[in-house]
Amino acid sequence: MKIWRFAVPLLIQTAFILSIPAQAVYTHITGKTVVLQTLPVDPYDLLRGYSQTLSYDISRQDNLKKLPGWDEVVKKAPGQDKKYAPIAQNTTIYLTLQEQKLSQQAAPSPWKPIRISTEKPTSLAPNQVAIKGFSQYNSVNYNLETYYLPEDQRDKINKDITQAQQVKPGQPQPFVVEAKVDTQGNAIPLSLWVKNRNYRF
């Protein structure tokens, strides 16, 4: 059997595998740092493994529907359920974020969403960035939803999150995530801020 029948599929698979970290490296080098506001999480979930599923203010379509461009997005990609899933599944959306004034606290201030669209914005101000997401039921995913806990810091992070969310009984305190976003809207996580402490990814 000719060797190329083995070599070609192997090269294709290798190129595909290498393209994933290559994209992350490109985003890390060329991307702009943004800060995203997370939603409160169940601290007990953190104790179940080495990762935690995070959600953000900009993940909720209930928050996004207040933005300019929402009606156009729904018109272009209507979902099956106008109330609970108004955007069709797996629709690509671009959310424009704008940097806010520096916080007096150690943790940085989250960037503010100002517009949503189904197409990548062609012009942005220096203090703006467009992050790409995909609609999933009544939320939007940005490939930033899974935080892998460093083994040597796992217990410390668990403790900090638990304490941060017990400051006000019944009112868990959210925390923020720093991420890099490249010109195509792809995002990778950089660090997690909890109780003014910064944990690198």
N, C-alpha and C. Protein backbone atom coordinates (compact mmCIF):
# COMPACT_ATOMS: atom_id res chain seq x y z
N MET A 1 0.85 -1.19 0.00
CA MET A 1 0.00 0.00 0.00
C MET A 1 0.89 1.24 0.00
N LYS A 2 0.53 2.22 -0.80
CA LYS A 2 1.35 3.42 -0.92
C LYS A 2 1.34 4.23 0.37
N ILE A 3 2.53 4.80 0.65
CA ILE A 3 2.70 5.51 1.92
C ILE A 3 1.84 6.77 2.00
N TRP A 4 1.55 7.40 0.85
CA TRP A 4 0.78 8.65 0.89
C TRP A 4 -0.63 8.44 1.43
N ARG A 5 -1.15 7.21 1.32
CA ARG A 5 -2.50 6.94 1.86
C ARG A 5 -2.51 7.04 3.38
N PHE A 6 -1.37 6.85 3.99
CA PHE A 6 -1.26 7.02 5.45
C PHE A 6 -0.82 8.44 5.79
N ALA A 7 0.10 8.97 4.97
CA ALA A 7 0.71 10.26 5.28
C ALA A 7 -0.29 11.42 5.18
N VAL A 8 -1.11 11.40 4.12
CA VAL A 8 -2.04 12.52 3.91
C VAL A 8 -3.06 12.65 5.05
N PRO A 9 -3.77 11.58 5.43
CA PRO A 9 -4.71 11.70 6.56
C PRO A 9 -4.01 12.11 7.86
N LEU A 10 -2.78 11.59 8.05
CA LEU A 10 -2.03 11.92 9.26
C LEU A 10 -1.68 13.40 9.29
N LEU A 11 -1.26 13.95 8.16
CA LEU A 11 -0.93 15.37 8.07
C LEU A 11 -2.15 16.24 8.30
N ILE A 12 -3.29 15.83 7.76
CA ILE A 12 -4.54 16.59 7.94
C ILE A 12 -4.94 16.62 9.41
N GLN A 13 -4.86 15.46 10.07
CA GLN A 13 -5.20 15.39 11.49
C GLN A 13 -4.24 16.22 12.34
N THR A 14 -2.95 16.15 12.01
CA THR A 14 -1.95 16.91 12.75
C THR A 14 -2.18 18.41 12.60
N ALA A 15 -2.49 18.85 11.37
CA ALA A 15 -2.75 20.27 11.13
C ALA A 15 -3.96 20.75 11.90
N PHE A 16 -4.99 19.90 11.96
CA PHE A 16 -6.21 20.27 12.69
C PHE A 16 -5.92 20.41 14.18
N ILE A 17 -5.16 19.47 14.73
CA ILE A 17 -4.84 19.50 16.16
C ILE A 17 -4.00 20.72 16.51
N LEU A 18 -3.03 21.04 15.64
CA LEU A 18 -2.14 22.18 15.90
C LEU A 18 -2.85 23.51 15.71
N SER A 19 -3.91 23.54 14.89
CA SER A 19 -4.60 24.80 14.62
C SER A 19 -5.30 25.35 15.86
N ILE A 20 -5.70 24.45 16.77
CA ILE A 20 -6.42 24.90 17.97
C ILE A 20 -5.52 25.72 18.90
N PRO A 21 -4.35 25.18 19.32
CA PRO A 21 -3.48 26.01 20.15
C PRO A 21 -2.91 27.21 19.41
N ALA A 22 -2.74 27.08 18.07
CA ALA A 22 -2.21 28.19 17.29
C ALA A 22 -3.16 29.38 17.35
N GLN A 23 -4.48 29.12 17.29
CA GLN A 23 -5.47 30.19 17.39
C GLN A 23 -5.40 30.86 18.75
N ALA A 24 -5.24 30.05 19.81
CA ALA A 24 -5.15 30.61 21.16
C ALA A 24 -3.90 31.46 21.32
N VAL A 25 -2.78 31.02 20.76
CA VAL A 25 -1.54 31.80 20.83
C VAL A 25 -1.70 33.12 20.09
N TYR A 26 -2.31 33.06 18.90
CA TYR A 26 -2.54 34.28 18.12
C TYR A 26 -3.39 35.28 18.91
N THR A 27 -4.48 34.78 19.51
CA THR A 27 -5.36 35.65 20.29
C THR A 27 -4.62 36.23 21.48
N HIS A 28 -3.80 35.43 22.13
CA HIS A 28 -3.06 35.90 23.30
C HIS A 28 -2.07 37.00 22.94
N ILE A 29 -1.44 36.87 21.78
CA ILE A 29 -0.42 37.84 21.36
C ILE A 29 -1.05 39.12 20.81
N THR A 30 -2.07 38.98 19.98
CA THR A 30 -2.63 40.14 19.27
C THR A 30 -3.88 40.71 19.91
N GLY A 31 -4.50 39.97 20.83
CA GLY A 31 -5.79 40.39 21.38
C GLY A 31 -5.71 41.57 22.34
N LYS A 32 -6.87 42.14 22.59
CA LYS A 32 -7.01 43.25 23.54
C LYS A 32 -7.60 42.71 24.83
N THR A 33 -7.07 43.16 25.96
CA THR A 33 -7.55 42.67 27.25
C THR A 33 -8.87 43.34 27.62
N VAL A 34 -9.87 42.54 27.95
CA VAL A 34 -11.17 43.04 28.40
C VAL A 34 -11.49 42.41 29.75
N VAL A 35 -12.45 42.98 30.45
CA VAL A 35 -12.87 42.47 31.75
C VAL A 35 -14.36 42.19 31.69
N LEU A 36 -14.75 40.97 32.08
CA LEU A 36 -16.14 40.54 32.02
C LEU A 36 -16.69 40.28 33.41
N GLN A 37 -17.91 40.75 33.65
CA GLN A 37 -18.58 40.53 34.92
C GLN A 37 -19.22 39.16 34.94
N THR A 38 -18.83 38.34 35.92
CA THR A 38 -19.44 37.02 36.04
C THR A 38 -20.73 37.10 36.84
N LEU A 39 -21.49 36.03 36.75
CA LEU A 39 -22.66 35.87 37.60
C LEU A 39 -22.28 35.00 38.79
N PRO A 40 -22.98 35.12 39.90
CA PRO A 40 -22.68 34.27 41.06
C PRO A 40 -22.75 32.79 40.70
N VAL A 41 -21.89 32.01 41.33
CA VAL A 41 -21.89 30.56 41.09
C VAL A 41 -22.16 29.84 42.40
N ASP A 42 -22.51 28.56 42.26
CA ASP A 42 -22.70 27.71 43.43
C ASP A 42 -21.32 27.25 43.90
N PRO A 43 -20.84 27.72 45.06
CA PRO A 43 -19.49 27.36 45.50
C PRO A 43 -19.31 25.87 45.72
N TYR A 44 -20.41 25.14 45.97
CA TYR A 44 -20.29 23.71 46.18
C TYR A 44 -19.92 22.98 44.90
N ASP A 45 -20.27 23.56 43.74
CA ASP A 45 -19.88 22.95 42.48
C ASP A 45 -18.37 22.95 42.32
N LEU A 46 -17.70 23.94 42.91
CA LEU A 46 -16.25 24.03 42.78
C LEU A 46 -15.55 22.84 43.43
N LEU A 47 -16.20 22.26 44.40
CA LEU A 47 -15.57 21.16 45.14
C LEU A 47 -15.69 19.83 44.42
N ARG A 48 -16.39 19.81 43.30
CA ARG A 48 -16.66 18.54 42.63
C ARG A 48 -15.59 18.15 41.61
N GLY A 49 -14.72 19.05 41.25
CA GLY A 49 -13.72 18.70 40.24
C GLY A 49 -12.69 19.79 40.05
N TYR A 50 -12.02 19.73 38.91
CA TYR A 50 -10.93 20.65 38.62
C TYR A 50 -11.36 21.83 37.76
N SER A 51 -12.63 21.93 37.45
CA SER A 51 -13.09 23.04 36.64
C SER A 51 -14.42 23.56 37.16
N GLN A 52 -14.73 24.79 36.76
CA GLN A 52 -15.99 25.41 37.15
C GLN A 52 -16.60 26.06 35.93
N THR A 53 -17.89 25.87 35.74
CA THR A 53 -18.59 26.52 34.64
C THR A 53 -19.01 27.91 35.08
N LEU A 54 -18.52 28.91 34.37
CA LEU A 54 -18.83 30.30 34.68
C LEU A 54 -19.89 30.82 33.72
N SER A 55 -20.61 31.81 34.19
CA SER A 55 -21.57 32.51 33.35
C SER A 55 -21.35 34.00 33.56
N TYR A 56 -21.74 34.79 32.58
CA TYR A 56 -21.47 36.22 32.61
C TYR A 56 -22.76 37.03 32.44
N ASP A 57 -22.69 38.28 32.82
CA ASP A 57 -23.83 39.17 32.57
C ASP A 57 -24.20 39.17 31.10
N ILE A 58 -23.17 39.13 30.24
CA ILE A 58 -23.42 39.18 28.80
C ILE A 58 -23.84 37.82 28.24
N SER A 59 -23.92 36.80 29.10
CA SER A 59 -24.39 35.49 28.65
C SER A 59 -25.91 35.45 28.58
N ARG A 60 -26.56 36.24 29.39
CA ARG A 60 -28.02 36.20 29.48
C ARG A 60 -28.67 37.02 28.37
N GLN A 61 -29.52 36.36 27.60
CA GLN A 61 -30.20 37.09 26.54
C GLN A 61 -31.18 38.12 27.10
N ASP A 62 -31.64 37.92 28.33
CA ASP A 62 -32.51 38.91 28.97
C ASP A 62 -31.77 40.25 29.14
N ASN A 63 -30.46 40.19 29.34
CA ASN A 63 -29.66 41.41 29.44
C ASN A 63 -29.35 41.98 28.06
N LEU A 64 -29.11 41.10 27.10
CA LEU A 64 -28.72 41.55 25.77
C LEU A 64 -29.88 42.19 25.01
N LYS A 65 -31.11 41.80 25.31
CA LYS A 65 -32.25 42.33 24.57
C LYS A 65 -32.47 43.82 24.81
N LYS A 66 -31.79 44.38 25.80
CA LYS A 66 -31.89 45.82 26.07
C LYS A 66 -30.95 46.64 25.18
N LEU A 67 -30.08 45.97 24.43
CA LEU A 67 -29.05 46.66 23.66
C LEU A 67 -29.52 47.03 22.26
N PRO A 68 -28.94 48.11 21.70
CA PRO A 68 -29.20 48.43 20.29
C PRO A 68 -28.76 47.27 19.41
N GLY A 69 -29.55 46.96 18.40
CA GLY A 69 -29.24 45.88 17.48
C GLY A 69 -29.95 44.58 17.79
N TRP A 70 -30.54 44.47 18.99
CA TRP A 70 -31.20 43.23 19.39
C TRP A 70 -32.34 42.85 18.44
N ASP A 71 -33.20 43.80 18.13
CA ASP A 71 -34.35 43.52 17.26
C ASP A 71 -33.90 43.03 15.89
N GLU A 72 -32.80 43.59 15.39
CA GLU A 72 -32.28 43.17 14.09
C GLU A 72 -31.75 41.74 14.14
N VAL A 73 -31.08 41.38 15.26
CA VAL A 73 -30.56 40.03 15.43
C VAL A 73 -31.71 39.03 15.44
N VAL A 74 -32.75 39.31 16.20
CA VAL A 74 -33.92 38.42 16.29
C VAL A 74 -34.61 38.30 14.93
N LYS A 75 -34.65 39.40 14.19
CA LYS A 75 -35.29 39.38 12.88
C LYS A 75 -34.51 38.51 11.90
N LYS A 76 -33.17 38.59 11.97
CA LYS A 76 -32.33 37.82 11.05
C LYS A 76 -32.26 36.34 11.42
N ALA A 77 -32.32 36.05 12.71
CA ALA A 77 -32.18 34.66 13.17
C ALA A 77 -33.20 34.36 14.25
N PRO A 78 -34.49 34.32 13.91
CA PRO A 78 -35.53 34.09 14.91
C PRO A 78 -35.48 32.67 15.48
N GLY A 79 -35.65 32.58 16.79
CA GLY A 79 -35.68 31.27 17.44
C GLY A 79 -37.07 30.67 17.43
N GLN A 80 -37.16 29.45 17.93
CA GLN A 80 -38.45 28.75 17.93
C GLN A 80 -39.35 29.22 19.05
N ASP A 81 -38.78 29.79 20.09
CA ASP A 81 -39.55 30.26 21.23
C ASP A 81 -39.23 31.73 21.48
N LYS A 82 -40.16 32.61 21.16
CA LYS A 82 -39.90 34.04 21.25
C LYS A 82 -39.58 34.51 22.67
N LYS A 83 -40.12 33.79 23.66
CA LYS A 83 -39.92 34.22 25.04
C LYS A 83 -38.65 33.65 25.65
N TYR A 84 -38.42 32.35 25.49
CA TYR A 84 -37.31 31.69 26.18
C TYR A 84 -36.08 31.46 25.30
N ALA A 85 -36.24 31.44 23.99
CA ALA A 85 -35.10 31.26 23.08
C ALA A 85 -35.36 32.07 21.82
N PRO A 86 -35.30 33.40 21.93
CA PRO A 86 -35.67 34.26 20.80
C PRO A 86 -34.70 34.23 19.63
N ILE A 87 -33.45 33.77 19.85
CA ILE A 87 -32.47 33.69 18.77
C ILE A 87 -32.26 32.22 18.39
N ALA A 88 -32.18 31.94 17.11
CA ALA A 88 -31.98 30.57 16.64
C ALA A 88 -30.70 29.99 17.21
N GLN A 89 -30.73 28.69 17.51
CA GLN A 89 -29.58 28.02 18.10
C GLN A 89 -28.34 28.12 17.21
N ASN A 90 -27.18 28.31 17.88
CA ASN A 90 -25.87 28.38 17.23
C ASN A 90 -25.70 29.56 16.29
N THR A 91 -26.52 30.58 16.46
CA THR A 91 -26.35 31.81 15.68
C THR A 91 -25.11 32.55 16.19
N THR A 92 -24.26 32.97 15.27
CA THR A 92 -23.08 33.75 15.65
C THR A 92 -23.49 35.19 15.89
N ILE A 93 -23.09 35.71 17.03
CA ILE A 93 -23.38 37.12 17.34
C ILE A 93 -22.07 37.80 17.73
N TYR A 94 -22.04 39.11 17.53
CA TYR A 94 -20.89 39.93 17.95
C TYR A 94 -21.40 40.98 18.93
N LEU A 95 -20.78 40.99 20.08
CA LEU A 95 -21.17 41.93 21.12
C LEU A 95 -20.07 42.97 21.28
N THR A 96 -20.42 44.23 21.09
CA THR A 96 -19.45 45.30 21.24
C THR A 96 -19.37 45.71 22.70
N LEU A 97 -18.15 45.67 23.25
CA LEU A 97 -17.89 46.04 24.64
C LEU A 97 -17.08 47.32 24.68
N GLN A 98 -17.34 48.13 25.70
CA GLN A 98 -16.61 49.39 25.84
C GLN A 98 -15.97 49.47 27.22
N GLU A 99 -14.71 49.87 27.22
CA GLU A 99 -13.96 49.96 28.47
C GLU A 99 -14.54 51.05 29.37
N GLN A 100 -14.56 50.77 30.68
CA GLN A 100 -15.06 51.73 31.65
C GLN A 100 -13.90 52.37 32.42
N LYS A 101 -14.20 53.40 33.16
CA LYS A 101 -13.17 54.09 33.94
C LYS A 101 -12.56 53.12 34.94
N LEU A 102 -11.29 53.34 35.25
CA LEU A 102 -10.60 52.46 36.19
C LEU A 102 -11.27 52.48 37.55
N SER A 103 -11.35 51.31 38.15
CA SER A 103 -11.96 51.18 39.47
C SER A 103 -10.97 51.60 40.54
N GLN A 104 -11.50 52.08 41.68
CA GLN A 104 -10.66 52.44 42.81
C GLN A 104 -10.17 51.18 43.53
N GLN A 105 -10.82 50.06 43.28
CA GLN A 105 -10.45 48.81 43.91
C GLN A 105 -9.35 48.12 43.11
N ALA A 106 -8.76 47.09 43.71
CA ALA A 106 -7.69 46.36 43.04
C ALA A 106 -8.21 45.63 41.80
N ALA A 107 -9.41 45.05 41.91
CA ALA A 107 -9.99 44.34 40.77
C ALA A 107 -10.41 45.34 39.69
N PRO A 108 -10.17 45.03 38.42
CA PRO A 108 -10.55 45.95 37.33
C PRO A 108 -12.05 46.01 37.13
N SER A 109 -12.51 47.11 36.52
CA SER A 109 -13.93 47.29 36.25
C SER A 109 -14.34 46.52 34.99
N PRO A 110 -15.49 45.86 35.01
CA PRO A 110 -15.95 45.14 33.82
C PRO A 110 -16.31 46.09 32.68
N TRP A 111 -16.07 45.64 31.46
CA TRP A 111 -16.41 46.43 30.28
C TRP A 111 -17.93 46.37 30.07
N LYS A 112 -18.46 47.43 29.48
CA LYS A 112 -19.90 47.57 29.31
C LYS A 112 -20.34 47.17 27.90
N PRO A 113 -21.34 46.28 27.76
CA PRO A 113 -21.87 45.96 26.43
C PRO A 113 -22.69 47.13 25.90
N ILE A 114 -22.47 47.51 24.64
CA ILE A 114 -23.17 48.67 24.10
C ILE A 114 -23.94 48.37 22.81
N ARG A 115 -23.65 47.23 22.17
CA ARG A 115 -24.37 46.90 20.94
C ARG A 115 -24.21 45.42 20.60
N ILE A 116 -25.20 44.86 19.93
CA ILE A 116 -25.16 43.46 19.50
C ILE A 116 -25.51 43.39 18.02
N SER A 117 -24.89 42.45 17.29
CA SER A 117 -25.16 42.30 15.86
C SER A 117 -24.81 40.88 15.43
N THR A 118 -25.24 40.50 14.24
CA THR A 118 -24.90 39.19 13.68
C THR A 118 -23.66 39.27 12.80
N GLU A 119 -23.17 40.46 12.55
CA GLU A 119 -21.98 40.64 11.73
C GLU A 119 -20.92 41.41 12.51
N LYS A 120 -19.66 41.09 12.23
CA LYS A 120 -18.55 41.73 12.93
C LYS A 120 -18.51 43.22 12.59
N PRO A 121 -18.47 44.09 13.60
CA PRO A 121 -18.39 45.53 13.35
C PRO A 121 -17.15 45.88 12.53
N THR A 122 -17.31 46.81 11.61
CA THR A 122 -16.20 47.19 10.74
C THR A 122 -15.34 48.29 11.33
N SER A 123 -15.87 49.05 12.26
CA SER A 123 -15.09 50.12 12.87
C SER A 123 -15.42 50.22 14.36
N LEU A 124 -14.38 50.26 15.16
CA LEU A 124 -14.54 50.35 16.61
C LEU A 124 -13.63 51.43 17.16
N ALA A 125 -14.06 52.06 18.23
CA ALA A 125 -13.22 53.05 18.91
C ALA A 125 -12.07 52.34 19.62
N PRO A 126 -10.99 53.05 19.93
CA PRO A 126 -9.84 52.42 20.60
C PRO A 126 -10.20 51.76 21.93
N ASN A 127 -11.26 52.23 22.59
CA ASN A 127 -11.66 51.65 23.87
C ASN A 127 -12.79 50.66 23.74
N GLN A 128 -12.96 50.10 22.52
CA GLN A 128 -14.01 49.13 22.27
C GLN A 128 -13.44 47.86 21.66
N VAL A 129 -14.19 46.78 21.80
CA VAL A 129 -13.82 45.49 21.19
C VAL A 129 -15.10 44.72 20.92
N ALA A 130 -15.07 43.87 19.90
CA ALA A 130 -16.23 43.03 19.57
C ALA A 130 -15.88 41.59 19.88
N ILE A 131 -16.64 40.97 20.78
CA ILE A 131 -16.41 39.58 21.16
C ILE A 131 -17.45 38.71 20.48
N LYS A 132 -17.00 37.55 19.98
CA LYS A 132 -17.89 36.66 19.23
C LYS A 132 -18.49 35.61 20.15
N GLY A 133 -19.78 35.37 19.99
CA GLY A 133 -20.46 34.36 20.78
C GLY A 133 -21.42 33.55 19.93
N PHE A 134 -21.97 32.50 20.55
CA PHE A 134 -22.92 31.63 19.86
C PHE A 134 -24.13 31.42 20.75
N SER A 135 -25.32 31.60 20.19
CA SER A 135 -26.53 31.46 20.97
C SER A 135 -26.78 30.00 21.34
N GLN A 136 -27.13 29.78 22.59
CA GLN A 136 -27.46 28.44 23.10
C GLN A 136 -28.69 28.58 24.00
N TYR A 137 -29.83 28.16 23.48
CA TYR A 137 -31.10 28.30 24.21
C TYR A 137 -31.34 29.77 24.55
N ASN A 138 -31.37 30.13 25.84
CA ASN A 138 -31.63 31.53 26.18
C ASN A 138 -30.37 32.24 26.67
N SER A 139 -29.21 31.72 26.25
CA SER A 139 -27.95 32.36 26.64
C SER A 139 -27.02 32.44 25.43
N VAL A 140 -25.85 33.05 25.65
CA VAL A 140 -24.82 33.16 24.62
C VAL A 140 -23.51 32.68 25.21
N ASN A 141 -22.82 31.80 24.50
CA ASN A 141 -21.53 31.28 24.95
C ASN A 141 -20.41 31.97 24.19
N TYR A 142 -19.31 32.25 24.90
CA TYR A 142 -18.16 32.95 24.31
C TYR A 142 -16.88 32.12 24.38
N ASN A 143 -17.01 30.83 24.64
CA ASN A 143 -15.85 29.95 24.83
C ASN A 143 -14.99 30.38 26.02
N LEU A 144 -15.63 31.02 26.97
CA LEU A 144 -14.96 31.46 28.20
C LEU A 144 -15.68 30.90 29.42
N GLU A 145 -16.51 29.91 29.19
CA GLU A 145 -17.40 29.45 30.27
C GLU A 145 -16.76 28.42 31.20
N THR A 146 -15.67 27.81 30.81
CA THR A 146 -15.05 26.79 31.66
C THR A 146 -13.73 27.30 32.21
N TYR A 147 -13.62 27.35 33.53
CA TYR A 147 -12.40 27.78 34.20
C TYR A 147 -11.75 26.56 34.84
N TYR A 148 -10.54 26.23 34.39
CA TYR A 148 -9.82 25.09 34.95
C TYR A 148 -9.00 25.55 36.14
N LEU A 149 -9.28 24.98 37.29
CA LEU A 149 -8.64 25.39 38.53
C LEU A 149 -7.22 24.85 38.61
N PRO A 150 -6.22 25.73 38.78
CA PRO A 150 -4.85 25.25 38.96
C PRO A 150 -4.78 24.36 40.20
N GLU A 151 -4.15 23.21 40.06
CA GLU A 151 -4.14 22.24 41.15
C GLU A 151 -3.57 22.81 42.44
N ASP A 152 -2.51 23.62 42.33
CA ASP A 152 -1.87 24.15 43.52
C ASP A 152 -2.64 25.30 44.15
N GLN A 153 -3.68 25.81 43.45
CA GLN A 153 -4.45 26.95 43.97
C GLN A 153 -5.93 26.61 44.16
N ARG A 154 -6.30 25.36 43.86
CA ARG A 154 -7.72 24.98 43.84
C ARG A 154 -8.41 25.25 45.17
N ASP A 155 -7.80 24.80 46.27
CA ASP A 155 -8.42 24.98 47.58
C ASP A 155 -8.53 26.45 47.95
N LYS A 156 -7.51 27.23 47.62
CA LYS A 156 -7.52 28.66 47.93
C LYS A 156 -8.62 29.38 47.15
N ILE A 157 -8.76 29.06 45.86
CA ILE A 157 -9.81 29.68 45.04
C ILE A 157 -11.19 29.30 45.56
N ASN A 158 -11.37 28.02 45.88
CA ASN A 158 -12.64 27.56 46.43
C ASN A 158 -13.01 28.36 47.68
N LYS A 159 -12.04 28.52 48.56
CA LYS A 159 -12.28 29.23 49.81
C LYS A 159 -12.61 30.69 49.56
N ASP A 160 -11.87 31.34 48.67
CA ASP A 160 -12.11 32.76 48.37
C ASP A 160 -13.49 32.98 47.76
N ILE A 161 -13.88 32.10 46.82
CA ILE A 161 -15.20 32.25 46.20
C ILE A 161 -16.30 32.05 47.23
N THR A 162 -16.14 31.04 48.08
CA THR A 162 -17.15 30.78 49.11
C THR A 162 -17.29 31.98 50.04
N GLN A 163 -16.17 32.55 50.48
CA GLN A 163 -16.21 33.70 51.39
C GLN A 163 -16.76 34.93 50.69
N ALA A 164 -16.38 35.15 49.44
CA ALA A 164 -16.85 36.32 48.70
C ALA A 164 -18.36 36.30 48.53
N GLN A 165 -18.91 35.11 48.36
CA GLN A 165 -20.35 35.00 48.13
C GLN A 165 -21.15 34.87 49.41
N GLN A 166 -20.48 34.94 50.56
CA GLN A 166 -21.17 34.91 51.84
C GLN A 166 -21.09 36.25 52.56
N VAL A 167 -20.62 37.28 51.83
CA VAL A 167 -20.53 38.62 52.42
C VAL A 167 -21.90 39.11 52.83
N LYS A 168 -22.88 38.93 51.95
CA LYS A 168 -24.27 39.30 52.24
C LYS A 168 -25.11 38.03 52.14
N PRO A 169 -25.70 37.60 53.22
CA PRO A 169 -26.51 36.38 53.19
C PRO A 169 -27.58 36.43 52.11
N GLY A 170 -27.59 35.41 51.28
CA GLY A 170 -28.59 35.35 50.22
C GLY A 170 -28.27 36.18 49.01
N GLN A 171 -27.14 36.92 49.04
CA GLN A 171 -26.75 37.77 47.92
C GLN A 171 -25.31 37.47 47.54
N PRO A 172 -25.05 36.36 46.85
CA PRO A 172 -23.68 36.01 46.46
C PRO A 172 -23.02 37.12 45.67
N GLN A 173 -21.74 37.36 45.94
CA GLN A 173 -21.00 38.41 45.27
C GLN A 173 -20.33 37.89 44.00
N PRO A 174 -20.60 38.51 42.85
CA PRO A 174 -19.96 38.08 41.62
C PRO A 174 -18.49 38.49 41.60
N PHE A 175 -17.76 37.95 40.65
CA PHE A 175 -16.36 38.32 40.48
C PHE A 175 -16.12 38.53 38.99
N VAL A 176 -14.91 38.94 38.61
CA VAL A 176 -14.67 39.27 37.21
C VAL A 176 -13.57 38.40 36.61
N VAL A 177 -13.62 38.28 35.29
CA VAL A 177 -12.64 37.51 34.53
C VAL A 177 -12.00 38.45 33.51
N GLU A 178 -10.66 38.39 33.42
CA GLU A 178 -9.94 39.09 32.37
C GLU A 178 -9.75 38.14 31.20
N ALA A 179 -9.94 38.64 29.99
CA ALA A 179 -9.79 37.81 28.79
C ALA A 179 -9.14 38.62 27.68
N LYS A 180 -8.58 37.92 26.72
CA LYS A 180 -8.04 38.58 25.52
C LYS A 180 -8.99 38.30 24.36
N VAL A 181 -9.28 39.34 23.57
CA VAL A 181 -10.16 39.21 22.41
C VAL A 181 -9.42 39.72 21.19
N ASP A 182 -9.32 38.88 20.14
CA ASP A 182 -8.60 39.31 18.94
C ASP A 182 -9.53 40.02 17.97
N THR A 183 -8.99 40.42 16.82
CA THR A 183 -9.76 41.22 15.86
C THR A 183 -10.90 40.45 15.22
N GLN A 184 -10.87 39.11 15.32
CA GLN A 184 -11.96 38.29 14.77
C GLN A 184 -13.04 38.01 15.80
N GLY A 185 -12.82 38.47 17.03
CA GLY A 185 -13.81 38.26 18.09
C GLY A 185 -13.56 37.05 18.94
N ASN A 186 -12.51 36.27 18.63
CA ASN A 186 -12.19 35.09 19.42
C ASN A 186 -11.62 35.51 20.78
N ALA A 187 -12.00 34.77 21.81
CA ALA A 187 -11.58 35.14 23.17
C ALA A 187 -10.94 33.97 23.90
N ILE A 188 -9.95 34.28 24.73
CA ILE A 188 -9.34 33.29 25.61
C ILE A 188 -9.26 33.91 27.00
N PRO A 189 -9.42 33.12 28.07
CA PRO A 189 -9.34 33.66 29.42
C PRO A 189 -7.90 33.90 29.84
N LEU A 190 -7.70 34.94 30.65
CA LEU A 190 -6.37 35.26 31.18
C LEU A 190 -6.28 35.02 32.68
N SER A 191 -7.25 35.59 33.41
CA SER A 191 -7.19 35.48 34.86
C SER A 191 -8.56 35.67 35.49
N LEU A 192 -8.65 35.26 36.73
CA LEU A 192 -9.88 35.34 37.52
C LEU A 192 -9.61 36.22 38.74
N TRP A 193 -10.48 37.20 38.96
CA TRP A 193 -10.36 38.07 40.13
C TRP A 193 -11.42 37.67 41.16
N VAL A 194 -10.98 37.34 42.37
CA VAL A 194 -11.88 37.02 43.47
C VAL A 194 -11.36 37.73 44.72
N LYS A 195 -12.23 38.52 45.36
CA LYS A 195 -11.85 39.24 46.59
C LYS A 195 -10.55 40.03 46.39
N ASN A 196 -10.45 40.72 45.24
CA ASN A 196 -9.28 41.52 44.92
C ASN A 196 -8.00 40.71 44.80
N ARG A 197 -8.15 39.40 44.64
CA ARG A 197 -7.00 38.53 44.37
C ARG A 197 -7.07 38.06 42.93
N ASN A 198 -5.92 38.00 42.28
CA ASN A 198 -5.87 37.64 40.86
C ASN A 198 -5.25 36.25 40.70
N TYR A 199 -6.02 35.36 40.04
CA TYR A 199 -5.54 34.01 39.76
C TYR A 199 -5.39 33.85 38.26
N ARG A 200 -4.17 33.56 37.79
CA ARG A 200 -3.90 33.41 36.38
C ARG A 200 -4.40 32.05 35.88
N PHE A 201 -4.87 32.03 34.65
CA PHE A 201 -5.31 30.77 34.04
C PHE A 201 -4.10 29.98 33.59
